[in-house]
Amino acid sequence: MDVFSWRRRVSGVGVWPDTASLRRLVQQPHRFEPRMPADEREHCLARWRRAVRAVIGSYTGG
């Protein structure tokens, strides 16, 4: 079954009134642009890594 026949079947059961409504659901992907300064990011990442090591250590006895 191709995408268009699936859309016709779904719109035929009353979920969407027509295939144009389905097309409006598709959005363009958003591009992620980091806003955190590099030094702050490194600080947070170091804390996260330390926390992960602590959790792993509690399970492995390290």
PDB file of N, CA and C in Angstrom:
ATOM      1  N   MET A   1       0.860  -1.183   0.000  1.00  0.00           N
ATOM      2  CA  MET A   1       0.000   0.000   0.000  1.00  0.00           C
ATOM      3  C   MET A   1       0.899   1.237   0.000  1.00  0.00           C
ATOM      4  N   ASP A   2       0.668   2.129  -0.921  1.00  0.00           N
ATOM      5  CA  ASP A   2       1.480   3.348  -0.948  1.00  0.00           C
ATOM      6  C   ASP A   2       0.907   4.396   0.002  1.00  0.00           C
ATOM      7  N   VAL A   3       1.660   5.464   0.203  1.00  0.00           N
ATOM      8  CA  VAL A   3       1.274   6.506   1.155  1.00  0.00           C
ATOM      9  C   VAL A   3      -0.048   7.142   0.768  1.00  0.00           C
ATOM     10  N   PHE A   4      -0.260   7.367  -0.515  1.00  0.00           N
ATOM     11  CA  PHE A   4      -1.468   8.062  -0.926  1.00  0.00           C
ATOM     12  C   PHE A   4      -2.719   7.216  -0.723  1.00  0.00           C
ATOM     13  N   SER A   5      -2.620   5.915  -0.962  1.00  0.00           N
ATOM     14  CA  SER A   5      -3.799   5.087  -0.715  1.00  0.00           C
ATOM     15  C   SER A   5      -4.068   4.985   0.785  1.00  0.00           C
ATOM     16  N   TRP A   6      -3.005   4.986   1.599  1.00  0.00           N
ATOM     17  CA  TRP A   6      -3.187   5.003   3.051  1.00  0.00           C
ATOM     18  C   TRP A   6      -3.893   6.274   3.477  1.00  0.00           C
ATOM     19  N   ARG A   7      -3.480   7.402   2.917  1.00  0.00           N
ATOM     20  CA  ARG A   7      -4.131   8.680   3.257  1.00  0.00           C
ATOM     21  C   ARG A   7      -5.608   8.659   2.884  1.00  0.00           C
ATOM     22  N   ARG A   8      -5.913   8.116   1.719  1.00  0.00           N
ATOM     23  CA  ARG A   8      -7.323   8.055   1.314  1.00  0.00           C
ATOM     24  C   ARG A   8      -8.122   7.176   2.277  1.00  0.00           C
ATOM     25  N   ARG A   9      -7.522   6.082   2.707  1.00  0.00           N
ATOM     26  CA  ARG A   9      -8.227   5.191   3.645  1.00  0.00           C
ATOM     27  C   ARG A   9      -8.437   5.878   4.988  1.00  0.00           C
ATOM     28  N   VAL A  10      -7.405   6.553   5.495  1.00  0.00           N
ATOM     29  CA  VAL A  10      -7.522   7.217   6.794  1.00  0.00           C
ATOM     30  C   VAL A  10      -8.515   8.365   6.716  1.00  0.00           C
ATOM     31  N   SER A  11      -8.428   9.168   5.658  1.00  0.00           N
ATOM     32  CA  SER A  11      -9.380  10.272   5.563  1.00  0.00           C
ATOM     33  C   SER A  11     -10.792   9.749   5.336  1.00  0.00           C
ATOM     34  N   GLY A  12     -10.908   8.547   4.750  1.00  0.00           N
ATOM     35  CA  GLY A  12     -12.217   7.963   4.511  1.00  0.00           C
ATOM     36  C   GLY A  12     -12.921   7.505   5.780  1.00  0.00           C
ATOM     37  N   VAL A  13     -12.202   7.320   6.872  1.00  0.00           N
ATOM     38  CA  VAL A  13     -12.836   6.879   8.110  1.00  0.00           C
ATOM     39  C   VAL A  13     -13.174   8.048   9.024  1.00  0.00           C
ATOM     40  N   GLY A  14     -12.977   9.279   8.548  1.00  0.00           N
ATOM     41  CA  GLY A  14     -13.381  10.446   9.313  1.00  0.00           C
ATOM     42  C   GLY A  14     -12.328  11.022  10.243  1.00  0.00           C
ATOM     43  N   VAL A  15     -11.103  10.524  10.171  1.00  0.00           N
ATOM     44  CA  VAL A  15     -10.050  11.084  11.010  1.00  0.00           C
ATOM     45  C   VAL A  15      -9.695  12.476  10.509  1.00  0.00           C
ATOM     46  N   TRP A  16      -9.519  12.621   9.197  1.00  0.00           N
ATOM     47  CA  TRP A  16      -9.284  13.914   8.565  1.00  0.00           C
ATOM     48  C   TRP A  16     -10.327  14.093   7.470  1.00  0.00           C
ATOM     49  N   PRO A  17     -10.759  15.298   7.253  1.00  0.00           N
ATOM     50  CA  PRO A  17     -11.825  15.499   6.260  1.00  0.00           C
ATOM     51  C   PRO A  17     -11.384  15.252   4.819  1.00  0.00           C
ATOM     52  N   ASP A  18     -10.085  15.447   4.521  1.00  0.00           N
ATOM     53  CA  ASP A  18      -9.592  15.250   3.163  1.00  0.00           C
ATOM     54  C   ASP A  18      -8.076  15.125   3.181  1.00  0.00           C
ATOM     55  N   THR A  19      -7.500  14.770   2.027  1.00  0.00           N
ATOM     56  CA  THR A  19      -6.044  14.599   1.967  1.00  0.00           C
ATOM     57  C   THR A  19      -5.310  15.925   2.116  1.00  0.00           C
ATOM     58  N   ALA A  20      -5.938  17.038   1.764  1.00  0.00           N
ATOM     59  CA  ALA A  20      -5.294  18.348   1.943  1.00  0.00           C
ATOM     60  C   ALA A  20      -5.034  18.608   3.424  1.00  0.00           C
ATOM     61  N   SER A  21      -5.926  18.164   4.284  1.00  0.00           N
ATOM     62  CA  SER A  21      -5.730  18.318   5.729  1.00  0.00           C
ATOM     63  C   SER A  21      -4.504  17.545   6.197  1.00  0.00           C
ATOM     64  N   LEU A  22      -4.296  16.370   5.616  1.00  0.00           N
ATOM     65  CA  LEU A  22      -3.117  15.575   5.958  1.00  0.00           C
ATOM     66  C   LEU A  22      -1.840  16.264   5.509  1.00  0.00           C
ATOM     67  N   ARG A  23      -1.862  16.845   4.332  1.00  0.00           N
ATOM     68  CA  ARG A  23      -0.676  17.539   3.821  1.00  0.00           C
ATOM     69  C   ARG A  23      -0.289  18.713   4.715  1.00  0.00           C
ATOM     70  N   ARG A  24      -1.274  19.363   5.313  1.00  0.00           N
ATOM     71  CA  ARG A  24      -0.973  20.506   6.191  1.00  0.00           C
ATOM     72  C   ARG A  24      -0.292  20.065   7.480  1.00  0.00           C
ATOM     73  N   LEU A  25      -0.404  18.776   7.840  1.00  0.00           N
ATOM     74  CA  LEU A  25       0.248  18.273   9.045  1.00  0.00           C
ATOM     75  C   LEU A  25       1.763  18.173   8.897  1.00  0.00           C
ATOM     76  N   VAL A  26       2.228  18.015   7.675  1.00  0.00           N
ATOM     77  CA  VAL A  26       3.656  17.866   7.423  1.00  0.00           C
ATOM     78  C   VAL A  26       4.324  19.225   7.557  1.00  0.00           C
ATOM     79  N   GLN A  27       5.337  19.277   8.410  1.00  0.00           N
ATOM     80  CA  GLN A  27       6.055  20.526   8.622  1.00  0.00           C
ATOM     81  C   GLN A  27       7.500  20.366   8.166  1.00  0.00           C
ATOM     82  N   GLN A  28       8.094  21.470   7.851  1.00  0.00           N
ATOM     83  CA  GLN A  28       9.510  21.462   7.510  1.00  0.00           C
ATOM     84  C   GLN A  28      10.318  21.161   8.767  1.00  0.00           C
ATOM     85  N   PRO A  29      11.394  20.398   8.639  1.00  0.00           N
ATOM     86  CA  PRO A  29      12.217  20.104   9.817  1.00  0.00           C
ATOM     87  C   PRO A  29      12.863  21.373  10.355  1.00  0.00           C
ATOM     88  N   HIS A  30      13.022  21.419  11.655  1.00  0.00           N
ATOM     89  CA  HIS A  30      13.657  22.566  12.291  1.00  0.00           C
ATOM     90  C   HIS A  30      15.136  22.257  12.504  1.00  0.00           C
ATOM     91  N   ARG A  31      15.952  23.222  12.255  1.00  0.00           N
ATOM     92  CA  ARG A  31      17.389  23.052  12.451  1.00  0.00           C
ATOM     93  C   ARG A  31      17.754  23.480  13.864  1.00  0.00           C
ATOM     94  N   PHE A  32      18.513  22.637  14.545  1.00  0.00           N
ATOM     95  CA  PHE A  32      18.956  22.934  15.895  1.00  0.00           C
ATOM     96  C   PHE A  32      20.161  23.858  15.827  1.00  0.00           C
ATOM     97  N   GLU A  33      20.088  24.967  16.506  1.00  0.00           N
ATOM     98  CA  GLU A  33      21.198  25.907  16.615  1.00  0.00           C
ATOM     99  C   GLU A  33      21.496  26.104  18.093  1.00  0.00           C
ATOM    100  N   PRO A  34      22.643  25.614  18.585  1.00  0.00           N
ATOM    101  CA  PRO A  34      22.956  25.759  20.005  1.00  0.00           C
ATOM    102  C   PRO A  34      23.105  27.228  20.396  1.00  0.00           C
ATOM    103  N   ARG A  35      22.586  27.563  21.557  1.00  0.00           N
ATOM    104  CA  ARG A  35      22.664  28.952  22.034  1.00  0.00           C
ATOM    105  C   ARG A  35      23.512  29.085  23.297  1.00  0.00           C
ATOM    106  N   MET A  36      23.848  27.958  23.909  1.00  0.00           N
ATOM    107  CA  MET A  36      24.627  27.998  25.143  1.00  0.00           C
ATOM    108  C   MET A  36      26.092  28.297  24.795  1.00  0.00           C
ATOM    109  N   PRO A  37      26.709  29.200  25.530  1.00  0.00           N
ATOM    110  CA  PRO A  37      28.129  29.477  25.289  1.00  0.00           C
ATOM    111  C   PRO A  37      28.973  28.213  25.484  1.00  0.00           C
ATOM    112  N   ALA A  38      30.040  28.101  24.743  1.00  0.00           N
ATOM    113  CA  ALA A  38      30.871  26.897  24.765  1.00  0.00           C
ATOM    114  C   ALA A  38      31.409  26.589  26.157  1.00  0.00           C
ATOM    115  N   ASP A  39      31.849  27.600  26.905  1.00  0.00           N
ATOM    116  CA  ASP A  39      32.405  27.331  28.232  1.00  0.00           C
ATOM    117  C   ASP A  39      31.333  26.804  29.188  1.00  0.00           C
ATOM    118  N   GLU A  40      30.136  27.326  29.103  1.00  0.00           N
ATOM    119  CA  GLU A  40      29.044  26.829  29.945  1.00  0.00           C
ATOM    120  C   GLU A  40      28.666  25.403  29.558  1.00  0.00           C
ATOM    121  N   ARG A  41      28.641  25.139  28.247  1.00  0.00           N
ATOM    122  CA  ARG A  41      28.328  23.795  27.755  1.00  0.00           C
ATOM    123  C   ARG A  41      29.354  22.789  28.268  1.00  0.00           C
ATOM    124  N   GLU A  42      30.625  23.132  28.206  1.00  0.00           N
ATOM    125  CA  GLU A  42      31.675  22.234  28.688  1.00  0.00           C
ATOM    126  C   GLU A  42      31.538  21.985  30.188  1.00  0.00           C
ATOM    127  N   HIS A  43      31.197  23.011  30.941  1.00  0.00           N
ATOM    128  CA  HIS A  43      31.002  22.866  32.385  1.00  0.00           C
ATOM    129  C   HIS A  43      29.846  21.900  32.678  1.00  0.00           C
ATOM    130  N   CYS A  44      28.730  22.102  32.001  1.00  0.00           N
ATOM    131  CA  CYS A  44      27.563  21.225  32.199  1.00  0.00           C
ATOM    132  C   CYS A  44      27.877  19.794  31.779  1.00  0.00           C
ATOM    133  N   LEU A  45      28.584  19.652  30.672  1.00  0.00           N
ATOM    134  CA  LEU A  45      28.932  18.330  30.179  1.00  0.00           C
ATOM    135  C   LEU A  45      29.867  17.610  31.159  1.00  0.00           C
ATOM    136  N   ALA A  46      30.804  18.334  31.747  1.00  0.00           N
ATOM    137  CA  ALA A  46      31.708  17.734  32.733  1.00  0.00           C
ATOM    138  C   ALA A  46      30.930  17.260  33.958  1.00  0.00           C
ATOM    139  N   ARG A  47      29.964  18.046  34.417  1.00  0.00           N
ATOM    140  CA  ARG A  47      29.130  17.642  35.558  1.00  0.00           C
ATOM    141  C   ARG A  47      28.300  16.413  35.211  1.00  0.00           C
ATOM    142  N   TRP A  48      27.766  16.383  33.999  1.00  0.00           N
ATOM    143  CA  TRP A  48      26.959  15.241  33.565  1.00  0.00           C
ATOM    144  C   TRP A  48      27.813  13.978  33.515  1.00  0.00           C
ATOM    145  N   ARG A  49      29.027  14.097  32.976  1.00  0.00           N
ATOM    146  CA  ARG A  49      29.921  12.939  32.891  1.00  0.00           C
ATOM    147  C   ARG A  49      30.282  12.430  34.284  1.00  0.00           C
ATOM    148  N   ARG A  50      30.524  13.357  35.215  1.00  0.00           N
ATOM    149  CA  ARG A  50      30.845  12.972  36.590  1.00  0.00           C
ATOM    150  C   ARG A  50      29.671  12.226  37.215  1.00  0.00           C
ATOM    151  N   ALA A  51      28.446  12.699  36.963  1.00  0.00           N
ATOM    152  CA  ALA A  51      27.254  12.034  37.497  1.00  0.00           C
ATOM    153  C   ALA A  51      27.089  10.638  36.899  1.00  0.00           C
ATOM    154  N   VAL A  52      27.336  10.500  35.613  1.00  0.00           N
ATOM    155  CA  VAL A  52      27.226   9.193  34.965  1.00  0.00           C
ATOM    156  C   VAL A  52      28.256   8.233  35.543  1.00  0.00           C
ATOM    157  N   ARG A  53      29.481   8.712  35.720  1.00  0.00           N
ATOM    158  CA  ARG A  53      30.515   7.855  36.325  1.00  0.00           C
ATOM    159  C   ARG A  53      30.104   7.411  37.727  1.00  0.00           C
ATOM    160  N   ALA A  54      29.499   8.311  38.492  1.00  0.00           N
ATOM    161  CA  ALA A  54      29.068   7.970  39.849  1.00  0.00           C
ATOM    162  C   ALA A  54      27.993   6.892  39.838  1.00  0.00           C
ATOM    163  N   VAL A  55      27.064   6.994  38.943  1.00  0.00           N
ATOM    164  CA  VAL A  55      25.993   5.981  38.856  1.00  0.00           C
ATOM    165  C   VAL A  55      26.568   4.643  38.419  1.00  0.00           C
ATOM    166  N   ILE A  56      27.406   4.662  37.403  1.00  0.00           N
ATOM    167  CA  ILE A  56      28.021   3.419  36.942  1.00  0.00           C
ATOM    168  C   ILE A  56      28.846   2.806  38.059  1.00  0.00           C
ATOM    169  N   GLY A  57      29.584   3.648  38.768  1.00  0.00           N
ATOM    170  CA  GLY A  57      30.395   3.157  39.879  1.00  0.00           C
ATOM    171  C   GLY A  57      29.577   2.520  40.983  1.00  0.00           C
ATOM    172  N   SER A  58      28.392   3.033  41.221  1.00  0.00           N
ATOM    173  CA  SER A  58      27.551   2.459  42.279  1.00  0.00           C
ATOM    174  C   SER A  58      27.046   1.071  41.888  1.00  0.00           C
ATOM    175  N   TYR A  59      26.959   0.788  40.607  1.00  0.00           N
ATOM    176  CA  TYR A  59      26.511  -0.533  40.151  1.00  0.00           C
ATOM    177  C   TYR A  59      27.655  -1.508  39.975  1.00  0.00           C
ATOM    178  N   THR A  60      28.850  -0.970  39.705  1.00  0.00           N
ATOM    179  CA  THR A  60      29.990  -1.866  39.442  1.00  0.00           C
ATOM    180  C   THR A  60      30.940  -1.960  40.626  1.00  0.00           C
ATOM    181  N   GLY A  61      30.656  -1.209  41.690  1.00  0.00           N
ATOM    182  CA  GLY A  61      31.501  -1.254  42.859  1.00  0.00           C
ATOM    183  C   GLY A  61      32.766  -0.430  42.720  1.00  0.00           C
ATOM    184  N   GLY A  62      32.773   0.446  41.694  1.00  0.00           N
ATOM    185  CA  GLY A  62      33.992   1.233  41.446  1.00  0.00           C
ATOM    186  C   GLY A  62      34.011   2.573  42.081  1.00  0.00           C
TER     187      GLY A  62
END
